[in-house]
Structures are given as C-alpha cells and as structure tokens.
PDB file of N, CA and C in Angstrom:
ATOM      1  N   MET A   1     -13.997 -22.671   7.151  1.00  0.00           N
ATOM      2  CA  MET A   1     -15.025 -21.812   7.509  1.00  0.00           C
ATOM      3  C   MET A   1     -14.908 -20.524   7.203  1.00  0.00           C
ATOM      4  N   THR A   2     -15.935 -19.494   6.292  1.00  0.00           N
ATOM      5  CA  THR A   2     -15.866 -18.310   6.359  1.00  0.00           C
ATOM      6  C   THR A   2     -15.911 -17.684   7.693  1.00  0.00           C
ATOM      7  N   LYS A   3     -15.438 -16.287   7.545  1.00  0.00           N
ATOM      8  CA  LYS A   3     -16.022 -15.491   8.706  1.00  0.00           C
ATOM      9  C   LYS A   3     -17.238 -15.013   8.952  1.00  0.00           C
ATOM     10  N   LEU A   4     -18.235 -15.114   7.581  1.00  0.00           N
ATOM     11  CA  LEU A   4     -19.676 -14.645   7.545  1.00  0.00           C
ATOM     12  C   LEU A   4     -20.283 -16.105   8.233  1.00  0.00           C
ATOM     13  N   THR A   5     -19.954 -17.394   7.757  1.00  0.00           N
ATOM     14  CA  THR A   5     -20.309 -18.537   8.089  1.00  0.00           C
ATOM     15  C   THR A   5     -20.202 -18.706   9.667  1.00  0.00           C
ATOM     16  N   ASP A   6     -18.864 -18.090  10.023  1.00  0.00           N
ATOM     17  CA  ASP A   6     -18.555 -18.565  11.591  1.00  0.00           C
ATOM     18  C   ASP A   6     -19.571 -17.334  12.446  1.00  0.00           C
ATOM     19  N   THR A   7     -19.680 -16.183  11.930  1.00  0.00           N
ATOM     20  CA  THR A   7     -20.796 -15.304  12.822  1.00  0.00           C
ATOM     21  C   THR A   7     -22.088 -15.621  12.560  1.00  0.00           C
ATOM     22  N   ILE A   8     -22.622 -16.173  11.736  1.00  0.00           N
ATOM     23  CA  ILE A   8     -24.015 -16.667  11.662  1.00  0.00           C
ATOM     24  C   ILE A   8     -24.077 -17.843  12.490  1.00  0.00           C
ATOM     25  N   LEU A   9     -23.579 -18.673  12.578  1.00  0.00           N
ATOM     26  CA  LEU A   9     -23.237 -20.157  13.188  1.00  0.00           C
ATOM     27  C   LEU A   9     -23.394 -19.760  14.679  1.00  0.00           C
ATOM     28  N   THR A  10     -22.768 -18.552  15.156  1.00  0.00           N
ATOM     29  CA  THR A  10     -22.384 -18.238  16.811  1.00  0.00           C
ATOM     30  C   THR A  10     -23.478 -17.353  17.161  1.00  0.00           C
ATOM     31  N   ILE A  11     -24.129 -16.414  16.137  1.00  0.00           N
ATOM     32  CA  ILE A  11     -25.398 -15.687  16.395  1.00  0.00           C
ATOM     33  C   ILE A  11     -26.548 -16.769  16.517  1.00  0.00           C
ATOM     34  N   LEU A  12     -26.599 -17.837  15.845  1.00  0.00           N
ATOM     35  CA  LEU A  12     -27.563 -18.766  16.022  1.00  0.00           C
ATOM     36  C   LEU A  12     -27.385 -19.771  17.215  1.00  0.00           C
ATOM     37  N   THR A  13     -26.299 -19.940  17.325  1.00  0.00           N
ATOM     38  CA  THR A  13     -26.128 -20.924  18.430  1.00  0.00           C
ATOM     39  C   THR A  13     -26.397 -20.180  20.204  1.00  0.00           C
ATOM     40  N   VAL A  14     -26.256 -18.833  20.098  1.00  0.00           N
ATOM     41  CA  VAL A  14     -26.653 -17.933  21.214  1.00  0.00           C
ATOM     42  C   VAL A  14     -27.761 -17.912  21.408  1.00  0.00           C
ATOM     43  N   SER A  15     -28.424 -17.423  20.026  1.00  0.00           N
ATOM     44  CA  SER A  15     -29.849 -17.347  20.297  1.00  0.00           C
ATOM     45  C   SER A  15     -30.661 -18.321  20.764  1.00  0.00           C
ATOM     46  N   SER A  16     -30.437 -19.456  19.958  1.00  0.00           N
ATOM     47  CA  SER A  16     -31.304 -20.549  20.353  1.00  0.00           C
ATOM     48  C   SER A  16     -30.765 -21.183  21.682  1.00  0.00           C
ATOM     49  N   ILE A  17     -29.577 -20.803  22.556  1.00  0.00           N
ATOM     50  CA  ILE A  17     -29.563 -21.066  23.834  1.00  0.00           C
ATOM     51  C   ILE A  17     -30.388 -20.231  24.682  1.00  0.00           C
ATOM     52  N   TYR A  18     -30.353 -18.870  24.422  1.00  0.00           N
ATOM     53  CA  TYR A  18     -30.985 -17.778  25.019  1.00  0.00           C
ATOM     54  C   TYR A  18     -32.680 -18.321  25.053  1.00  0.00           C
ATOM     55  N   LEU A  19     -33.578 -18.878  23.625  1.00  0.00           N
ATOM     56  CA  LEU A  19     -34.417 -19.079  23.454  1.00  0.00           C
ATOM     57  C   LEU A  19     -34.984 -20.326  24.396  1.00  0.00           C
ATOM     58  N   VAL A  20     -34.044 -21.305  24.455  1.00  0.00           N
ATOM     59  CA  VAL A  20     -34.387 -22.373  25.356  1.00  0.00           C
ATOM     60  C   VAL A  20     -34.750 -22.110  26.511  1.00  0.00           C
ATOM     61  N   LEU A  21     -33.798 -21.119  26.922  1.00  0.00           N
ATOM     62  CA  LEU A  21     -33.693 -20.638  28.589  1.00  0.00           C
ATOM     63  C   LEU A  21     -35.113 -19.964  28.894  1.00  0.00           C
ATOM     64  N   TYR A  22     -35.219 -19.189  27.836  1.00  0.00           N
ATOM     65  CA  TYR A  22     -36.327 -18.233  28.205  1.00  0.00           C
ATOM     66  C   TYR A  22     -37.882 -19.058  27.858  1.00  0.00           C
ATOM     67  N   VAL A  23     -37.939 -19.877  27.477  1.00  0.00           N
ATOM     68  CA  VAL A  23     -39.465 -20.589  27.065  1.00  0.00           C
ATOM     69  C   VAL A  23     -39.487 -21.612  28.615  1.00  0.00           C
ATOM     70  N   GLY A  24     -38.530 -21.765  28.847  1.00  0.00           N
ATOM     71  CA  GLY A  24     -38.364 -23.058  29.913  1.00  0.00           C
ATOM     72  C   GLY A  24     -38.428 -24.298  29.902  1.00  0.00           C
ATOM     73  N   ALA A  25     -37.699 -24.835  28.492  1.00  0.00           N
ATOM     74  CA  ALA A  25     -37.417 -25.703  28.309  1.00  0.00           C
ATOM     75  C   ALA A  25     -36.181 -26.671  28.914  1.00  0.00           C
ATOM     76  N   ILE A  26     -35.603 -25.509  29.360  1.00  0.00           N
ATOM     77  CA  ILE A  26     -34.319 -26.075  30.210  1.00  0.00           C
ATOM     78  C   ILE A  26     -34.656 -25.393  31.750  1.00  0.00           C
ATOM     79  N   PRO A  27     -35.151 -26.000  32.647  1.00  0.00           N
ATOM     80  CA  PRO A  27     -35.382 -25.383  33.968  1.00  0.00           C
ATOM     81  C   PRO A  27     -34.224 -24.574  34.308  1.00  0.00           C
ATOM     82  N   THR A  28     -34.820 -23.483  34.857  1.00  0.00           N
ATOM     83  CA  THR A  28     -33.677 -22.314  35.556  1.00  0.00           C
ATOM     84  C   THR A  28     -34.453 -21.795  36.703  1.00  0.00           C
ATOM     85  N   PRO A  29     -33.586 -21.344  37.847  1.00  0.00           N
ATOM     86  CA  PRO A  29     -34.613 -20.850  39.104  1.00  0.00           C
ATOM     87  C   PRO A  29     -35.230 -19.573  38.728  1.00  0.00           C
ATOM     88  N   ALA A  30     -35.964 -19.599  39.530  1.00  0.00           N
ATOM     89  CA  ALA A  30     -37.293 -18.433  39.135  1.00  0.00           C
ATOM     90  C   ALA A  30     -36.406 -16.893  39.327  1.00  0.00           C
ATOM     91  N   VAL A  31     -35.495 -16.766  39.723  1.00  0.00           N
ATOM     92  CA  VAL A  31     -34.824 -15.526  39.848  1.00  0.00           C
ATOM     93  C   VAL A  31     -33.854 -15.431  38.565  1.00  0.00           C
ATOM     94  N   ILE A  32     -33.477 -16.157  38.163  1.00  0.00           N
ATOM     95  CA  ILE A  32     -32.633 -16.185  36.552  1.00  0.00           C
ATOM     96  C   ILE A  32     -33.845 -16.124  35.696  1.00  0.00           C
ATOM     97  N   HIS A  33     -34.900 -16.624  35.963  1.00  0.00           N
ATOM     98  CA  HIS A  33     -35.761 -16.368  34.653  1.00  0.00           C
ATOM     99  C   HIS A  33     -36.579 -15.714  34.771  1.00  0.00           C
ATOM    100  N   ASP A  34     -36.530 -14.768  35.921  1.00  0.00           N
ATOM    101  CA  ASP A  34     -37.749 -13.872  36.030  1.00  0.00           C
ATOM    102  C   ASP A  34     -37.076 -12.127  35.810  1.00  0.00           C
ATOM    103  N   GLU A  35     -35.664 -12.517  36.714  1.00  0.00           N
ATOM    104  CA  GLU A  35     -34.909 -10.974  36.198  1.00  0.00           C
ATOM    105  C   GLU A  35     -33.605 -11.059  35.664  1.00  0.00           C
ATOM    106  N   ILE A  36     -32.978 -11.625  35.503  1.00  0.00           N
ATOM    107  CA  ILE A  36     -31.844 -12.229  34.440  1.00  0.00           C
ATOM    108  C   ILE A  36     -32.293 -12.115  33.201  1.00  0.00           C
ATOM    109  N   LEU A  37     -32.636 -13.331  32.575  1.00  0.00           N
ATOM    110  CA  LEU A  37     -33.253 -13.340  31.302  1.00  0.00           C
ATOM    111  C   LEU A  37     -34.023 -12.257  30.202  1.00  0.00           C
ATOM    112  N   PRO A  38     -35.043 -11.750  31.107  1.00  0.00           N
ATOM    113  CA  PRO A  38     -35.490 -10.936  30.302  1.00  0.00           C
ATOM    114  C   PRO A  38     -34.623  -9.170  29.792  1.00  0.00           C
ATOM    115  N   VAL A  39     -33.642  -9.130  30.609  1.00  0.00           N
ATOM    116  CA  VAL A  39     -32.532  -8.158  30.277  1.00  0.00           C
ATOM    117  C   VAL A  39     -31.483  -8.346  29.908  1.00  0.00           C
ATOM    118  N   LEU A  40     -31.134  -9.684  29.627  1.00  0.00           N
ATOM    119  CA  LEU A  40     -29.808 -10.248  28.646  1.00  0.00           C
ATOM    120  C   LEU A  40     -29.856  -9.634  27.667  1.00  0.00           C
ATOM    121  N   PRO A  41     -30.712  -9.613  26.594  1.00  0.00           N
ATOM    122  CA  PRO A  41     -30.363  -9.140  24.923  1.00  0.00           C
ATOM    123  C   PRO A  41     -29.968  -7.583  25.394  1.00  0.00           C
ATOM    124  N   TRP A  42     -30.673  -6.903  26.075  1.00  0.00           N
ATOM    125  CA  TRP A  42     -30.303  -5.258  26.272  1.00  0.00           C
ATOM    126  C   TRP A  42     -28.792  -5.240  26.923  1.00  0.00           C
ATOM    127  N   TRP A  43     -28.317  -6.177  27.811  1.00  0.00           N
ATOM    128  CA  TRP A  43     -27.166  -6.017  28.083  1.00  0.00           C
ATOM    129  C   TRP A  43     -26.079  -6.583  27.381  1.00  0.00           C
ATOM    130  N   ALA A  44     -26.630  -7.707  26.329  1.00  0.00           N
ATOM    131  CA  ALA A  44     -25.609  -7.938  24.846  1.00  0.00           C
ATOM    132  C   ALA A  44     -25.499  -6.631  24.447  1.00  0.00           C
ATOM    133  N   LEU A  45     -26.653  -6.109  23.959  1.00  0.00           N
ATOM    134  CA  LEU A  45     -26.547  -5.098  22.939  1.00  0.00           C
ATOM    135  C   LEU A  45     -25.488  -3.979  23.408  1.00  0.00           C
ATOM    136  N   VAL A  46     -25.677  -3.607  24.669  1.00  0.00           N
ATOM    137  CA  VAL A  46     -24.781  -2.386  25.218  1.00  0.00           C
ATOM    138  C   VAL A  46     -23.600  -2.857  25.303  1.00  0.00           C
ATOM    139  N   SER A  47     -23.087  -3.942  25.722  1.00  0.00           N
ATOM    140  CA  SER A  47     -21.641  -4.696  25.717  1.00  0.00           C
ATOM    141  C   SER A  47     -21.379  -4.573  24.033  1.00  0.00           C
ATOM    142  N   TYR A  48     -21.891  -4.875  23.330  1.00  0.00           N
ATOM    143  CA  TYR A  48     -21.571  -4.986  21.982  1.00  0.00           C
ATOM    144  C   TYR A  48     -21.108  -3.353  21.479  1.00  0.00           C
ATOM    145  N   GLY A  49     -22.134  -2.362  21.464  1.00  0.00           N
ATOM    146  CA  GLY A  49     -21.943  -0.988  21.468  1.00  0.00           C
ATOM    147  C   GLY A  49     -20.748  -0.441  22.328  1.00  0.00           C
ATOM    148  N   CYS A  50     -20.162  -0.892  23.502  1.00  0.00           N
ATOM    149  CA  CYS A  50     -19.367  -0.303  24.260  1.00  0.00           C
ATOM    150  C   CYS A  50     -17.924  -1.096  23.562  1.00  0.00           C
ATOM    151  N   TYR A  51     -18.077  -2.225  22.982  1.00  0.00           N
ATOM    152  CA  TYR A  51     -16.879  -2.664  22.357  1.00  0.00           C
ATOM    153  C   TYR A  51     -16.941  -1.885  20.996  1.00  0.00           C
ATOM    154  N   ALA A  52     -17.580  -1.899  20.401  1.00  0.00           N
ATOM    155  CA  ALA A  52     -17.402  -1.245  19.082  1.00  0.00           C
ATOM    156  C   ALA A  52     -16.978   0.388  19.247  1.00  0.00           C
ATOM    157  N   LEU A  53     -17.587   1.005  19.847  1.00  0.00           N
ATOM    158  CA  LEU A  53     -17.301   2.376  20.263  1.00  0.00           C
ATOM    159  C   LEU A  53     -15.459   2.209  20.663  1.00  0.00           C
ATOM    160  N   PHE A  54     -15.328   1.445  21.432  1.00  0.00           N
ATOM    161  CA  PHE A  54     -13.761   1.141  21.845  1.00  0.00           C
ATOM    162  C   PHE A  54     -12.929   0.980  20.703  1.00  0.00           C
ATOM    163  N   SER A  55     -13.404  -0.043  19.864  1.00  0.00           N
ATOM    164  CA  SER A  55     -12.461  -0.459  18.845  1.00  0.00           C
ATOM    165  C   SER A  55     -12.354   0.898  17.834  1.00  0.00           C
ATOM    166  N   LEU A  56     -13.594   1.620  17.882  1.00  0.00           N
ATOM    167  CA  LEU A  56     -13.563   2.645  16.738  1.00  0.00           C
ATOM    168  C   LEU A  56     -12.641   3.989  17.411  1.00  0.00           C
ATOM    169  N   GLY A  57     -12.592   4.037  18.733  1.00  0.00           N
ATOM    170  CA  GLY A  57     -11.535   5.021  19.227  1.00  0.00           C
ATOM    171  C   GLY A  57     -10.702   4.863  19.196  1.00  0.00           C
ATOM    172  N   TYR A  58     -10.272   3.223  19.759  1.00  0.00           N
ATOM    173  CA  TYR A  58      -8.726   3.271  19.694  1.00  0.00           C
ATOM    174  C   TYR A  58      -7.848   3.070  18.027  1.00  0.00           C
ATOM    175  N   GLY A  59      -8.672   2.696  17.303  1.00  0.00           N
ATOM    176  CA  GLY A  59      -8.251   2.947  15.778  1.00  0.00           C
ATOM    177  C   GLY A  59      -8.231   4.338  15.547  1.00  0.00           C
ATOM    178  N   VAL A  60      -8.475   5.011  15.819  1.00  0.00           N
ATOM    179  CA  VAL A  60      -8.418   6.621  15.309  1.00  0.00           C
ATOM    180  C   VAL A  60      -7.600   7.219  16.569  1.00  0.00           C
ATOM    181  N   PHE A  61      -7.193   6.720  17.795  1.00  0.00           N
ATOM    182  CA  PHE A  61      -6.234   7.088  18.377  1.00  0.00           C
ATOM    183  C   PHE A  61      -5.021   6.702  17.940  1.00  0.00           C
ATOM    184  N   THR A  62      -4.983   5.413  17.614  1.00  0.00           N
ATOM    185  CA  THR A  62      -3.505   5.042  17.283  1.00  0.00           C
ATOM    186  C   THR A  62      -3.171   5.297  15.507  1.00  0.00           C
ATOM    187  N   LEU A  63      -4.169   5.789  14.712  1.00  0.00           N
ATOM    188  CA  LEU A  63      -4.003   6.027  13.495  1.00  0.00           C
ATOM    189  C   LEU A  63      -2.539   6.850  13.212  1.00  0.00           C
ATOM    190  N   ASN A  64      -1.975   7.647  13.767  1.00  0.00           N
ATOM    191  CA  ASN A  64      -0.755   7.923  13.902  1.00  0.00           C
ATOM    192  C   ASN A  64       0.308   7.162  13.899  1.00  0.00           C
ATOM    193  N   ASP A  65      -0.039   6.089  14.623  1.00  0.00           N
ATOM    194  CA  ASP A  65       1.413   5.178  14.592  1.00  0.00           C
ATOM    195  C   ASP A  65       1.178   4.486  13.748  1.00  0.00           C
ATOM    196  N   LYS A  66       0.608   4.614  12.759  1.00  0.00           N
ATOM    197  CA  LYS A  66       0.804   3.628  11.358  1.00  0.00           C
ATOM    198  C   LYS A  66       1.136   4.365  10.422  1.00  0.00           C
ATOM    199  N   GLU A  67       2.242   4.959   9.924  1.00  0.00           N
ATOM    200  CA  GLU A  67       2.488   5.792   9.220  1.00  0.00           C
ATOM    201  C   GLU A  67       2.056   5.663   7.606  1.00  0.00           C
ATOM    202  N   ASP A  68       2.100   4.185   7.309  1.00  0.00           N
ATOM    203  CA  ASP A  68       1.811   4.041   5.646  1.00  0.00           C
ATOM    204  C   ASP A  68       0.232   4.049   5.552  1.00  0.00           C
ATOM    205  N   LYS A  69      -0.763   3.825   7.035  1.00  0.00           N
ATOM    206  CA  LYS A  69      -2.091   3.832   6.485  1.00  0.00           C
ATOM    207  C   LYS A  69      -2.421   5.469   6.659  1.00  0.00           C
ATOM    208  N   TYR A  70      -1.435   6.317   7.598  1.00  0.00           N
ATOM    209  CA  TYR A  70      -1.779   7.548   7.466  1.00  0.00           C
ATOM    210  C   TYR A  70      -1.365   8.455   6.290  1.00  0.00           C
ATOM    211  N   GLU A  71      -0.275   8.025   5.673  1.00  0.00           N
ATOM    212  CA  GLU A  71      -0.243   8.618   4.405  1.00  0.00           C
ATOM    213  C   GLU A  71      -0.844   8.096   3.357  1.00  0.00           C
ATOM    214  N   GLU A  72      -1.749   6.621   3.360  1.00  0.00           N
ATOM    215  CA  GLU A  72      -2.208   6.423   2.162  1.00  0.00           C
ATOM    216  C   GLU A  72      -3.759   7.099   2.295  1.00  0.00           C
ATOM    217  N   LEU A  73      -4.138   7.722   3.657  1.00  0.00           N
ATOM    218  CA  LEU A  73      -5.223   8.141   3.902  1.00  0.00           C
ATOM    219  C   LEU A  73      -5.247   9.577   3.210  1.00  0.00           C
ATOM    220  N   LEU A  74      -4.125  10.187   4.007  1.00  0.00           N
ATOM    221  CA  LEU A  74      -4.089  11.571   3.186  1.00  0.00           C
ATOM    222  C   LEU A  74      -3.864  11.730   1.642  1.00  0.00           C
ATOM    223  N   SER A  75      -3.455  10.692   0.936  1.00  0.00           N
ATOM    224  CA  SER A  75      -3.423  10.749  -0.501  1.00  0.00           C
ATOM    225  C   SER A  75      -4.671  10.361  -1.122  1.00  0.00           C
ATOM    226  N   GLN A  76      -5.462   9.506  -0.428  1.00  0.00           N
ATOM    227  CA  GLN A  76      -7.000   9.585  -0.642  1.00  0.00           C
ATOM    228  C   GLN A  76      -7.764  10.403  -0.600  1.00  0.00           C
ATOM    229  N   ILE A  77      -7.539  11.211   0.409  1.00  0.00           N
ATOM    230  CA  ILE A  77      -8.160  12.492   0.670  1.00  0.00           C
ATOM    231  C   ILE A  77      -7.995  13.429  -0.526  1.00  0.00           C
ATOM    232  N   SER A  78      -6.649  13.674  -0.872  1.00  0.00           N
ATOM    233  CA  SER A  78      -6.528  14.918  -1.733  1.00  0.00           C
ATOM    234  C   SER A  78      -7.003  14.320  -3.330  1.00  0.00           C
ATOM    235  N   GLU A  79      -7.177  12.942  -3.567  1.00  0.00           N
ATOM    236  CA  GLU A  79      -7.454  12.341  -4.736  1.00  0.00           C
ATOM    237  C   GLU A  79      -8.836  12.819  -4.913  1.00  0.00           C
ATOM    238  N   ALA A  80      -9.627  12.570  -3.500  1.00  0.00           N
ATOM    239  CA  ALA A  80     -10.933  13.065  -3.732  1.00  0.00           C
ATOM    240  C   ALA A  80     -11.265  14.233  -4.187  1.00  0.00           C
ATOM    241  N   ARG A  81     -10.637  14.993  -3.168  1.00  0.00           N
ATOM    242  CA  ARG A  81     -10.580  16.352  -3.467  1.00  0.00           C
ATOM    243  C   ARG A  81     -10.372  16.970  -4.802  1.00  0.00           C
ATOM    244  N   GLY A  82      -9.433  16.580  -5.347  1.00  0.00           N
ATOM    245  CA  GLY A  82      -9.200  16.764  -6.635  1.00  0.00           C
ATOM    246  C   GLY A  82     -10.177  16.341  -7.559  1.00  0.00           C
ATOM    247  N   PHE A  83     -10.790  15.183  -7.596  1.00  0.00           N
ATOM    248  CA  PHE A  83     -11.692  14.524  -8.539  1.00  0.00           C
ATOM    249  C   PHE A  83     -13.010  15.363  -8.218  1.00  0.00           C
ATOM    250  N   LEU A  84     -13.459  15.780  -7.113  1.00  0.00           N
ATOM    251  CA  LEU A  84     -14.352  16.597  -6.954  1.00  0.00           C
ATOM    252  C   LEU A  84     -14.288  18.011  -7.244  1.00  0.00           C
ATOM    253  N   GLU A  85     -13.196  18.844  -7.326  1.00  0.00           N
ATOM    254  CA  GLU A  85     -12.985  20.148  -7.840  1.00  0.00           C
ATOM    255  C   GLU A  85     -13.028  19.804  -9.370  1.00  0.00           C
ATOM    256  N   LYS A  86     -12.354  18.825  -9.931  1.00  0.00           N
ATOM    257  CA  LYS A  86     -12.367  18.770 -11.100  1.00  0.00           C
ATOM    258  C   LYS A  86     -14.015  18.563 -11.877  1.00  0.00           C
ATOM    259  N   ASN A  87     -15.012  18.187 -10.825  1.00  0.00           N
ATOM    260  CA  ASN A  87     -16.458  18.089 -11.208  1.00  0.00           C
ATOM    261  C   ASN A  87     -17.329  19.274 -11.024  1.00  0.00           C
ATOM    262  N   GLY A  88     -16.716  20.332 -10.315  1.00  0.00           N
ATOM    263  CA  GLY A  88     -17.405  21.234 -10.088  1.00  0.00           C
ATOM    264  C   GLY A  88     -17.819  21.711  -8.592  1.00  0.00           C
ATOM    265  N   VAL A  89     -17.287  20.690  -7.652  1.00  0.00           N
ATOM    266  CA  VAL A  89     -17.878  20.805  -6.188  1.00  0.00           C
ATOM    267  C   VAL A  89     -16.896  21.763  -5.948  1.00  0.00           C
ATOM    268  N   ASP A  90     -17.525  22.788  -5.005  1.00  0.00           N
ATOM    269  CA  ASP A  90     -16.557  23.447  -3.947  1.00  0.00           C
ATOM    270  C   ASP A  90     -16.061  22.473  -2.768  1.00  0.00           C
ATOM    271  N   VAL A  91     -14.840  22.318  -2.905  1.00  0.00           N
ATOM    272  CA  VAL A  91     -14.358  21.783  -1.436  1.00  0.00           C
ATOM    273  C   VAL A  91     -13.377  22.615  -0.831  1.00  0.00           C
ATOM    274  N   LYS A  92     -13.564  23.135   0.477  1.00  0.00           N
ATOM    275  CA  LYS A  92     -12.774  23.695   1.325  1.00  0.00           C
ATOM    276  C   LYS A  92     -11.905  23.037   2.309  1.00  0.00           C
TER     277      LYS A  92
END
C-alpha cells in the first residue's frame, strides 16, 4: 500500500467512525454525545497543528546536526542567487 492510500484509508476510517457516533447509530452516553463529540474535530485539528509546528521547529533546530544537508542547502541557495543575478534580479 502506498503512503497516499494508507493516509486516505485512515482518514476515511476515522471520519466514518466519527460520523456514526455523531448521528447516533452507535448509542453513546448523553455527556459524550453533547459535550465531547461536537468539539472533537477542533481538538484533532489543533493537535495536528501542534504536531506539524513541532516537527517543523525540530527540523529547523536540528538542521546544523546534518552537515551534508546543511551544505546541500547552502549550495542550492548560492545556485539560486547566481541564477537570479544572471537573469537581472537584484539579490542582496
């Protein structure tokens, strides 16, 4: 299974379970149905945002630990600057 297929299958499974619980096809206590299920998508969205921000920050924080990637990034930046200057763009 590809990563895309796995991701789509996971999203469909989780959203199907949520929809079945939300419409009441599977009986749940009133407290869960009235207080937890309505805010569950927002909680999931905020949790995903926190995870994404942490992953991005950790990647930036540990960039200097990966010398080969650091050097590759610097060479790509200098290559892009050279290309832009060659085409008449002022790069400072």
